[in-house]
Amino acid sequence: KNHRVSVAAVEGIIQSHAGLSEWRRQLRFVNKLRACRTALMNYMAIESSASRNKIKRDCGSVYMWLYRHDREWFHAHLPPSVPRCDRPKR
């Protein structure tokens, strides 16, 4: 906006350089990854006794994004699941 260049023109220049689009996509992924990890860790610091279901209910989008894109880290940092024998009967 400051230089009066349209977004389409900038996107055209970026697309014309080999690898720049892939680099931008990777950068966005890493930024989203860091933001989701930070959000989950901050929530778990505040709600230290939260169960997996409570985390899923309160932080649904972060929970699902990390589950889909960073499953190994996600499971390593979640609280342990409740054993089936200790779960309430329905």
PDB file of N, CA and C in Angstrom:
ATOM      1  N   LYS A   1       0.830  -1.198   0.000  1.00  0.00           N
ATOM      2  CA  LYS A   1       0.000   0.000   0.000  1.00  0.00           C
ATOM      3  C   LYS A   1       0.864   1.247   0.000  1.00  0.00           C
ATOM      4  N   ASN A   2       1.948   1.228   0.772  1.00  0.00           N
ATOM      5  CA  ASN A   2       2.817   2.403   0.841  1.00  0.00           C
ATOM      6  C   ASN A   2       3.473   2.700  -0.501  1.00  0.00           C
ATOM      7  N   HIS A   3       3.758   1.661  -1.281  1.00  0.00           N
ATOM      8  CA  HIS A   3       4.446   1.844  -2.560  1.00  0.00           C
ATOM      9  C   HIS A   3       3.501   1.775  -3.746  1.00  0.00           C
ATOM     10  N   ARG A   4       2.202   1.686  -3.463  1.00  0.00           N
ATOM     11  CA  ARG A   4       1.156   1.644  -4.473  1.00  0.00           C
ATOM     12  C   ARG A   4       1.369   0.517  -5.478  1.00  0.00           C
ATOM     13  N   VAL A   5       1.651  -0.657  -4.937  1.00  0.00           N
ATOM     14  CA  VAL A   5       1.807  -1.857  -5.750  1.00  0.00           C
ATOM     15  C   VAL A   5       0.691  -2.813  -5.342  1.00  0.00           C
ATOM     16  N   SER A   6       0.025  -3.385  -6.331  1.00  0.00           N
ATOM     17  CA  SER A   6      -1.091  -4.274  -6.024  1.00  0.00           C
ATOM     18  C   SER A   6      -0.591  -5.615  -5.497  1.00  0.00           C
ATOM     19  N   VAL A   7      -1.472  -6.265  -4.772  1.00  0.00           N
ATOM     20  CA  VAL A   7      -1.151  -7.583  -4.229  1.00  0.00           C
ATOM     21  C   VAL A   7      -0.923  -8.563  -5.378  1.00  0.00           C
ATOM     22  N   ALA A   8      -1.703  -8.450  -6.432  1.00  0.00           N
ATOM     23  CA  ALA A   8      -1.564  -9.348  -7.579  1.00  0.00           C
ATOM     24  C   ALA A   8      -0.189  -9.207  -8.228  1.00  0.00           C
ATOM     25  N   ALA A   9       0.313  -7.997  -8.303  1.00  0.00           N
ATOM     26  CA  ALA A   9       1.638  -7.774  -8.895  1.00  0.00           C
ATOM     27  C   ALA A   9       2.727  -8.414  -8.032  1.00  0.00           C
ATOM     28  N   VAL A  10       2.620  -8.261  -6.728  1.00  0.00           N
ATOM     29  CA  VAL A  10       3.596  -8.862  -5.815  1.00  0.00           C
ATOM     30  C   VAL A  10       3.529 -10.381  -5.907  1.00  0.00           C
ATOM     31  N   GLU A  11       2.314 -10.936  -5.928  1.00  0.00           N
ATOM     32  CA  GLU A  11       2.166 -12.382  -6.049  1.00  0.00           C
ATOM     33  C   GLU A  11       2.741 -12.885  -7.368  1.00  0.00           C
ATOM     34  N   GLY A  12       2.565 -12.138  -8.429  1.00  0.00           N
ATOM     35  CA  GLY A  12       3.131 -12.519  -9.726  1.00  0.00           C
ATOM     36  C   GLY A  12       4.647 -12.571  -9.690  1.00  0.00           C
ATOM     37  N   ILE A  13       5.256 -11.607  -9.033  1.00  0.00           N
ATOM     38  CA  ILE A  13       6.722 -11.585  -8.913  1.00  0.00           C
ATOM     39  C   ILE A  13       7.197 -12.763  -8.068  1.00  0.00           C
ATOM     40  N   ILE A  14       6.508 -13.021  -6.980  1.00  0.00           N
ATOM     41  CA  ILE A  14       6.892 -14.134  -6.107  1.00  0.00           C
ATOM     42  C   ILE A  14       6.777 -15.459  -6.860  1.00  0.00           C
ATOM     43  N   GLN A  15       5.714 -15.632  -7.617  1.00  0.00           N
ATOM     44  CA  GLN A  15       5.505 -16.884  -8.353  1.00  0.00           C
ATOM     45  C   GLN A  15       6.542 -17.069  -9.452  1.00  0.00           C
ATOM     46  N   SER A  16       7.097 -15.988  -9.966  1.00  0.00           N
ATOM     47  CA  SER A  16       8.065 -16.094 -11.059  1.00  0.00           C
ATOM     48  C   SER A  16       9.439 -16.564 -10.588  1.00  0.00           C
ATOM     49  N   HIS A  17       9.722 -16.463  -9.302  1.00  0.00           N
ATOM     50  CA  HIS A  17      11.002 -16.912  -8.768  1.00  0.00           C
ATOM     51  C   HIS A  17      10.880 -18.354  -8.279  1.00  0.00           C
ATOM     52  N   ALA A  18      11.745 -19.201  -8.766  1.00  0.00           N
ATOM     53  CA  ALA A  18      11.692 -20.627  -8.419  1.00  0.00           C
ATOM     54  C   ALA A  18      11.960 -20.829  -6.930  1.00  0.00           C
ATOM     55  N   GLY A  19      11.085 -21.582  -6.297  1.00  0.00           N
ATOM     56  CA  GLY A  19      11.280 -21.938  -4.895  1.00  0.00           C
ATOM     57  C   GLY A  19      10.752 -20.944  -3.886  1.00  0.00           C
ATOM     58  N   LEU A  20      10.446 -19.729  -4.298  1.00  0.00           N
ATOM     59  CA  LEU A  20       9.998 -18.717  -3.350  1.00  0.00           C
ATOM     60  C   LEU A  20       8.601 -19.031  -2.802  1.00  0.00           C
ATOM     61  N   SER A  21       7.725 -19.548  -3.647  1.00  0.00           N
ATOM     62  CA  SER A  21       6.383 -19.915  -3.183  1.00  0.00           C
ATOM     63  C   SER A  21       6.454 -21.042  -2.165  1.00  0.00           C
ATOM     64  N   GLU A  22       7.293 -22.038  -2.451  1.00  0.00           N
ATOM     65  CA  GLU A  22       7.464 -23.157  -1.517  1.00  0.00           C
ATOM     66  C   GLU A  22       8.042 -22.668  -0.196  1.00  0.00           C
ATOM     67  N   TRP A  23       8.977 -21.750  -0.251  1.00  0.00           N
ATOM     68  CA  TRP A  23       9.578 -21.186   0.962  1.00  0.00           C
ATOM     69  C   TRP A  23       8.523 -20.458   1.790  1.00  0.00           C
ATOM     70  N   ARG A  24       7.663 -19.681   1.130  1.00  0.00           N
ATOM     71  CA  ARG A  24       6.598 -18.963   1.848  1.00  0.00           C
ATOM     72  C   ARG A  24       5.621 -19.931   2.495  1.00  0.00           C
ATOM     73  N   ARG A  25       5.273 -21.006   1.774  1.00  0.00           N
ATOM     74  CA  ARG A  25       4.361 -22.004   2.323  1.00  0.00           C
ATOM     75  C   ARG A  25       4.986 -22.669   3.556  1.00  0.00           C
ATOM     76  N   GLN A  26       6.261 -22.998   3.477  1.00  0.00           N
ATOM     77  CA  GLN A  26       6.960 -23.609   4.605  1.00  0.00           C
ATOM     78  C   GLN A  26       7.038 -22.638   5.790  1.00  0.00           C
ATOM     79  N   LEU A  27       7.282 -21.365   5.509  1.00  0.00           N
ATOM     80  CA  LEU A  27       7.347 -20.352   6.560  1.00  0.00           C
ATOM     81  C   LEU A  27       6.004 -20.212   7.271  1.00  0.00           C
ATOM     82  N   ARG A  28       4.916 -20.208   6.505  1.00  0.00           N
ATOM     83  CA  ARG A  28       3.580 -20.129   7.114  1.00  0.00           C
ATOM     84  C   ARG A  28       3.304 -21.350   7.984  1.00  0.00           C
ATOM     85  N   PHE A  29       3.720 -22.537   7.501  1.00  0.00           N
ATOM     86  CA  PHE A  29       3.526 -23.763   8.270  1.00  0.00           C
ATOM     87  C   PHE A  29       4.277 -23.694   9.602  1.00  0.00           C
ATOM     88  N   VAL A  30       5.532 -23.257   9.557  1.00  0.00           N
ATOM     89  CA  VAL A  30       6.345 -23.173  10.779  1.00  0.00           C
ATOM     90  C   VAL A  30       5.755 -22.152  11.746  1.00  0.00           C
ATOM     91  N   ASN A  31       5.284 -21.027  11.233  1.00  0.00           N
ATOM     92  CA  ASN A  31       4.662 -20.019  12.098  1.00  0.00           C
ATOM     93  C   ASN A  31       3.397 -20.560  12.754  1.00  0.00           C
ATOM     94  N   LYS A  32       2.578 -21.275  11.990  1.00  0.00           N
ATOM     95  CA  LYS A  32       1.347 -21.874  12.534  1.00  0.00           C
ATOM     96  C   LYS A  32       1.704 -22.941  13.570  1.00  0.00           C
ATOM     97  N   LEU A  33       2.723 -23.736  13.284  1.00  0.00           N
ATOM     98  CA  LEU A  33       3.173 -24.775  14.206  1.00  0.00           C
ATOM     99  C   LEU A  33       3.595 -24.167  15.538  1.00  0.00           C
ATOM    100  N   ARG A  34       4.408 -23.139  15.484  1.00  0.00           N
ATOM    101  CA  ARG A  34       4.857 -22.473  16.716  1.00  0.00           C
ATOM    102  C   ARG A  34       3.700 -21.866  17.484  1.00  0.00           C
ATOM    103  N   ALA A  35       2.776 -21.219  16.769  1.00  0.00           N
ATOM    104  CA  ALA A  35       1.630 -20.587  17.428  1.00  0.00           C
ATOM    105  C   ALA A  35       0.750 -21.630  18.110  1.00  0.00           C
ATOM    106  N   CYS A  36       0.505 -22.746  17.444  1.00  0.00           N
ATOM    107  CA  CYS A  36      -0.342 -23.787  18.036  1.00  0.00           C
ATOM    108  C   CYS A  36       0.336 -24.447  19.228  1.00  0.00           C
ATOM    109  N   ARG A  37       1.627 -24.734  19.101  1.00  0.00           N
ATOM    110  CA  ARG A  37       2.348 -25.322  20.231  1.00  0.00           C
ATOM    111  C   ARG A  37       2.331 -24.388  21.433  1.00  0.00           C
ATOM    112  N   THR A  38       2.577 -23.107  21.188  1.00  0.00           N
ATOM    113  CA  THR A  38       2.586 -22.118  22.266  1.00  0.00           C
ATOM    114  C   THR A  38       1.214 -22.009  22.911  1.00  0.00           C
ATOM    115  N   ALA A  39       0.159 -21.979  22.093  1.00  0.00           N
ATOM    116  CA  ALA A  39      -1.200 -21.874  22.630  1.00  0.00           C
ATOM    117  C   ALA A  39      -1.531 -23.083  23.499  1.00  0.00           C
ATOM    118  N   LEU A  40      -1.167 -24.274  23.047  1.00  0.00           N
ATOM    119  CA  LEU A  40      -1.447 -25.472  23.827  1.00  0.00           C
ATOM    120  C   LEU A  40      -0.663 -25.483  25.134  1.00  0.00           C
ATOM    121  N   MET A  41       0.605 -25.127  25.076  1.00  0.00           N
ATOM    122  CA  MET A  41       1.429 -25.123  26.289  1.00  0.00           C
ATOM    123  C   MET A  41       0.947 -24.054  27.282  1.00  0.00           C
ATOM    124  N   ASN A  42       0.547 -22.888  26.780  1.00  0.00           N
ATOM    125  CA  ASN A  42       0.016 -21.847  27.667  1.00  0.00           C
ATOM    126  C   ASN A  42      -1.277 -22.302  28.338  1.00  0.00           C
ATOM    127  N   TYR A  43      -2.151 -22.943  27.573  1.00  0.00           N
ATOM    128  CA  TYR A  43      -3.401 -23.439  28.144  1.00  0.00           C
ATOM    129  C   TYR A  43      -3.111 -24.485  29.216  1.00  0.00           C
ATOM    130  N   MET A  44      -2.197 -25.400  28.916  1.00  0.00           N
ATOM    131  CA  MET A  44      -1.893 -26.460  29.870  1.00  0.00           C
ATOM    132  C   MET A  44      -1.180 -25.923  31.113  1.00  0.00           C
ATOM    133  N   ALA A  45      -0.467 -24.805  30.986  1.00  0.00           N
ATOM    134  CA  ALA A  45       0.153 -24.188  32.153  1.00  0.00           C
ATOM    135  C   ALA A  45      -0.907 -23.570  33.061  1.00  0.00           C
ATOM    136  N   ILE A  46      -1.933 -23.002  32.460  1.00  0.00           N
ATOM    137  CA  ILE A  46      -3.019 -22.399  33.235  1.00  0.00           C
ATOM    138  C   ILE A  46      -3.920 -23.475  33.827  1.00  0.00           C
ATOM    139  N   GLU A  47      -4.292 -24.445  33.002  1.00  0.00           N
ATOM    140  CA  GLU A  47      -5.174 -25.545  33.418  1.00  0.00           C
ATOM    141  C   GLU A  47      -4.327 -26.805  33.589  1.00  0.00           C
ATOM    142  N   SER A  48      -3.565 -26.867  34.658  1.00  0.00           N
ATOM    143  CA  SER A  48      -2.602 -27.961  34.842  1.00  0.00           C
ATOM    144  C   SER A  48      -3.263 -29.326  35.030  1.00  0.00           C
ATOM    145  N   SER A  49      -4.488 -29.360  35.505  1.00  0.00           N
ATOM    146  CA  SER A  49      -5.151 -30.648  35.739  1.00  0.00           C
ATOM    147  C   SER A  49      -6.166 -30.987  34.640  1.00  0.00           C
ATOM    148  N   ALA A  50      -6.096 -30.313  33.521  1.00  0.00           N
ATOM    149  CA  ALA A  50      -7.064 -30.530  32.445  1.00  0.00           C
ATOM    150  C   ALA A  50      -6.870 -31.892  31.796  1.00  0.00           C
ATOM    151  N   SER A  51      -7.985 -32.543  31.502  1.00  0.00           N
ATOM    152  CA  SER A  51      -7.940 -33.829  30.805  1.00  0.00           C
ATOM    153  C   SER A  51      -7.843 -33.571  29.301  1.00  0.00           C
ATOM    154  N   ARG A  52      -7.616 -34.638  28.555  1.00  0.00           N
ATOM    155  CA  ARG A  52      -7.541 -34.508  27.104  1.00  0.00           C
ATOM    156  C   ARG A  52      -8.851 -33.986  26.517  1.00  0.00           C
ATOM    157  N   ASN A  53      -9.964 -34.468  27.054  1.00  0.00           N
ATOM    158  CA  ASN A  53     -11.260 -34.012  26.547  1.00  0.00           C
ATOM    159  C   ASN A  53     -11.497 -32.535  26.833  1.00  0.00           C
ATOM    160  N   LYS A  54     -11.082 -32.069  27.989  1.00  0.00           N
ATOM    161  CA  LYS A  54     -11.239 -30.648  28.317  1.00  0.00           C
ATOM    162  C   LYS A  54     -10.367 -29.799  27.406  1.00  0.00           C
ATOM    163  N   ILE A  55      -9.159 -30.253  27.130  1.00  0.00           N
ATOM    164  CA  ILE A  55      -8.276 -29.523  26.214  1.00  0.00           C
ATOM    165  C   ILE A  55      -8.896 -29.489  24.825  1.00  0.00           C
ATOM    166  N   LYS A  56      -9.434 -30.617  24.386  1.00  0.00           N
ATOM    167  CA  LYS A  56     -10.066 -30.683  23.060  1.00  0.00           C
ATOM    168  C   LYS A  56     -11.279 -29.767  22.983  1.00  0.00           C
ATOM    169  N   ARG A  57     -12.044 -29.722  24.063  1.00  0.00           N
ATOM    170  CA  ARG A  57     -13.247 -28.886  24.096  1.00  0.00           C
ATOM    171  C   ARG A  57     -12.890 -27.397  24.114  1.00  0.00           C
ATOM    172  N   ASP A  58     -11.876 -27.021  24.897  1.00  0.00           N
ATOM    173  CA  ASP A  58     -11.530 -25.613  25.054  1.00  0.00           C
ATOM    174  C   ASP A  58     -10.610 -25.078  23.955  1.00  0.00           C
ATOM    175  N   CYS A  59      -9.775 -25.928  23.402  1.00  0.00           N
ATOM    176  CA  CYS A  59      -8.804 -25.509  22.369  1.00  0.00           C
ATOM    177  C   CYS A  59      -8.972 -26.377  21.132  1.00  0.00           C
ATOM    178  N   GLY A  60     -10.173 -26.485  20.646  1.00  0.00           N
ATOM    179  CA  GLY A  60     -10.485 -27.425  19.574  1.00  0.00           C
ATOM    180  C   GLY A  60      -9.672 -27.255  18.302  1.00  0.00           C
ATOM    181  N   SER A  61      -9.541 -26.034  17.814  1.00  0.00           N
ATOM    182  CA  SER A  61      -8.828 -25.836  16.546  1.00  0.00           C
ATOM    183  C   SER A  61      -7.340 -26.131  16.696  1.00  0.00           C
ATOM    184  N   VAL A  62      -6.749 -25.714  17.804  1.00  0.00           N
ATOM    185  CA  VAL A  62      -5.329 -25.994  18.057  1.00  0.00           C
ATOM    186  C   VAL A  62      -5.120 -27.491  18.232  1.00  0.00           C
ATOM    187  N   TYR A  63      -6.011 -28.122  18.982  1.00  0.00           N
ATOM    188  CA  TYR A  63      -5.942 -29.563  19.223  1.00  0.00           C
ATOM    189  C   TYR A  63      -5.952 -30.323  17.901  1.00  0.00           C
ATOM    190  N   MET A  64      -6.895 -30.014  17.030  1.00  0.00           N
ATOM    191  CA  MET A  64      -7.020 -30.742  15.770  1.00  0.00           C
ATOM    192  C   MET A  64      -5.867 -30.430  14.816  1.00  0.00           C
ATOM    193  N   TRP A  65      -5.423 -29.181  14.782  1.00  0.00           N
ATOM    194  CA  TRP A  65      -4.320 -28.839  13.886  1.00  0.00           C
ATOM    195  C   TRP A  65      -3.058 -29.593  14.288  1.00  0.00           C
ATOM    196  N   LEU A  66      -2.749 -29.602  15.562  1.00  0.00           N
ATOM    197  CA  LEU A  66      -1.561 -30.330  16.020  1.00  0.00           C
ATOM    198  C   LEU A  66      -1.725 -31.833  15.834  1.00  0.00           C
ATOM    199  N   TYR A  67      -2.915 -32.351  16.038  1.00  0.00           N
ATOM    200  CA  TYR A  67      -3.157 -33.774  15.832  1.00  0.00           C
ATOM    201  C   TYR A  67      -2.896 -34.152  14.371  1.00  0.00           C
ATOM    202  N   ARG A  68      -3.295 -33.313  13.458  1.00  0.00           N
ATOM    203  CA  ARG A  68      -3.122 -33.610  12.026  1.00  0.00           C
ATOM    204  C   ARG A  68      -1.711 -33.359  11.517  1.00  0.00           C
ATOM    205  N   HIS A  69      -1.031 -32.343  12.042  1.00  0.00           N
ATOM    206  CA  HIS A  69       0.232 -31.915  11.447  1.00  0.00           C
ATOM    207  C   HIS A  69       1.481 -32.180  12.274  1.00  0.00           C
ATOM    208  N   ASP A  70       1.336 -32.439  13.563  1.00  0.00           N
ATOM    209  CA  ASP A  70       2.505 -32.628  14.426  1.00  0.00           C
ATOM    210  C   ASP A  70       2.178 -33.652  15.511  1.00  0.00           C
ATOM    211  N   ARG A  71       1.722 -34.816  15.067  1.00  0.00           N
ATOM    212  CA  ARG A  71       1.163 -35.815  15.976  1.00  0.00           C
ATOM    213  C   ARG A  71       2.165 -36.304  17.018  1.00  0.00           C
ATOM    214  N   GLU A  72       3.405 -36.514  16.648  1.00  0.00           N
ATOM    215  CA  GLU A  72       4.394 -37.039  17.597  1.00  0.00           C
ATOM    216  C   GLU A  72       4.611 -36.075  18.762  1.00  0.00           C
ATOM    217  N   TRP A  73       4.826 -34.794  18.472  1.00  0.00           N
ATOM    218  CA  TRP A  73       5.014 -33.784  19.519  1.00  0.00           C
ATOM    219  C   TRP A  73       3.736 -33.665  20.342  1.00  0.00           C
ATOM    220  N   PHE A  74       2.610 -33.684  19.658  1.00  0.00           N
ATOM    221  CA  PHE A  74       1.308 -33.525  20.292  1.00  0.00           C
ATOM    222  C   PHE A  74       1.082 -34.596  21.365  1.00  0.00           C
ATOM    223  N   HIS A  75       1.286 -35.851  21.007  1.00  0.00           N
ATOM    224  CA  HIS A  75       1.060 -36.929  21.972  1.00  0.00           C
ATOM    225  C   HIS A  75       2.101 -36.925  23.086  1.00  0.00           C
ATOM    226  N   ALA A  76       3.291 -36.437  22.794  1.00  0.00           N
ATOM    227  CA  ALA A  76       4.326 -36.374  23.825  1.00  0.00           C
ATOM    228  C   ALA A  76       4.012 -35.325  24.892  1.00  0.00           C
ATOM    229  N   HIS A  77       3.233 -34.301  24.548  1.00  0.00           N
ATOM    230  CA  HIS A  77       2.970 -33.209  25.480  1.00  0.00           C
ATOM    231  C   HIS A  77       1.571 -33.209  26.077  1.00  0.00           C
ATOM    232  N   LEU A  78       0.697 -34.072  25.615  1.00  0.00           N
ATOM    233  CA  LEU A  78      -0.637 -34.168  26.212  1.00  0.00           C
ATOM    234  C   LEU A  78      -0.556 -34.885  27.552  1.00  0.00           C
ATOM    235  N   PRO A  79      -1.496 -34.622  28.440  1.00  0.00           N
ATOM    236  CA  PRO A  79      -1.529 -35.400  29.687  1.00  0.00           C
ATOM    237  C   PRO A  79      -1.851 -36.858  29.356  1.00  0.00           C
ATOM    238  N   PRO A  80      -1.446 -37.784  30.208  1.00  0.00           N
ATOM    239  CA  PRO A  80      -1.715 -39.187  29.908  1.00  0.00           C
ATOM    240  C   PRO A  80      -3.219 -39.463  29.875  1.00  0.00           C
ATOM    241  N   SER A  81      -3.595 -40.407  29.040  1.00  0.00           N
ATOM    242  CA  SER A  81      -5.015 -40.737  28.947  1.00  0.00           C
ATOM    243  C   SER A  81      -5.435 -41.550  30.175  1.00  0.00           C
ATOM    244  N   VAL A  82      -6.706 -41.482  30.489  1.00  0.00           N
ATOM    245  CA  VAL A  82      -7.250 -42.208  31.630  1.00  0.00           C
ATOM    246  C   VAL A  82      -7.416 -43.663  31.196  1.00  0.00           C
ATOM    247  N   PRO A  83      -6.889 -44.613  31.970  1.00  0.00           N
ATOM    248  CA  PRO A  83      -7.067 -46.028  31.595  1.00  0.00           C
ATOM    249  C   PRO A  83      -8.551 -46.392  31.501  1.00  0.00           C
ATOM    250  N   ARG A  84      -8.871 -47.290  30.607  1.00  0.00           N
ATOM    251  CA  ARG A  84     -10.283 -47.661  30.382  1.00  0.00           C
ATOM    252  C   ARG A  84     -10.970 -48.147  31.658  1.00  0.00           C
ATOM    253  N   CYS A  85     -10.244 -48.848  32.494  1.00  0.00           N
ATOM    254  CA  CYS A  85     -10.890 -49.373  33.705  1.00  0.00           C
ATOM    255  C   CYS A  85     -11.231 -48.261  34.709  1.00  0.00           C
ATOM    256  N   ASP A  86     -10.575 -47.079  34.584  1.00  0.00           N
ATOM    257  CA  ASP A  86     -10.852 -45.972  35.502  1.00  0.00           C
ATOM    258  C   ASP A  86     -11.844 -44.961  34.949  1.00  0.00           C
ATOM    259  N   ARG A  87     -12.280 -45.171  33.723  1.00  0.00           N
ATOM    260  CA  ARG A  87     -13.243 -44.240  33.124  1.00  0.00           C
ATOM    261  C   ARG A  87     -14.619 -44.500  33.721  1.00  0.00           C
ATOM    262  N   PRO A  88     -15.426 -43.438  33.829  1.00  0.00           N
ATOM    263  CA  PRO A  88     -16.773 -43.637  34.389  1.00  0.00           C
ATOM    264  C   PRO A  88     -17.631 -44.506  33.481  1.00  0.00           C
ATOM    265  N   LYS A  89     -18.464 -45.343  34.083  1.00  0.00           N
ATOM    266  CA  LYS A  89     -19.371 -46.201  33.343  1.00  0.00           C
ATOM    267  C   LYS A  89     -20.572 -45.389  32.876  1.00  0.00           C
ATOM    268  N   ARG A  90     -21.084 -45.724  31.725  1.00  0.00           N
ATOM    269  CA  ARG A  90     -22.253 -45.004  31.200  1.00  0.00           C
ATOM    270  C   ARG A  90     -23.523 -45.719  31.565  1.00  0.00           C
TER     271      ARG A  90
END
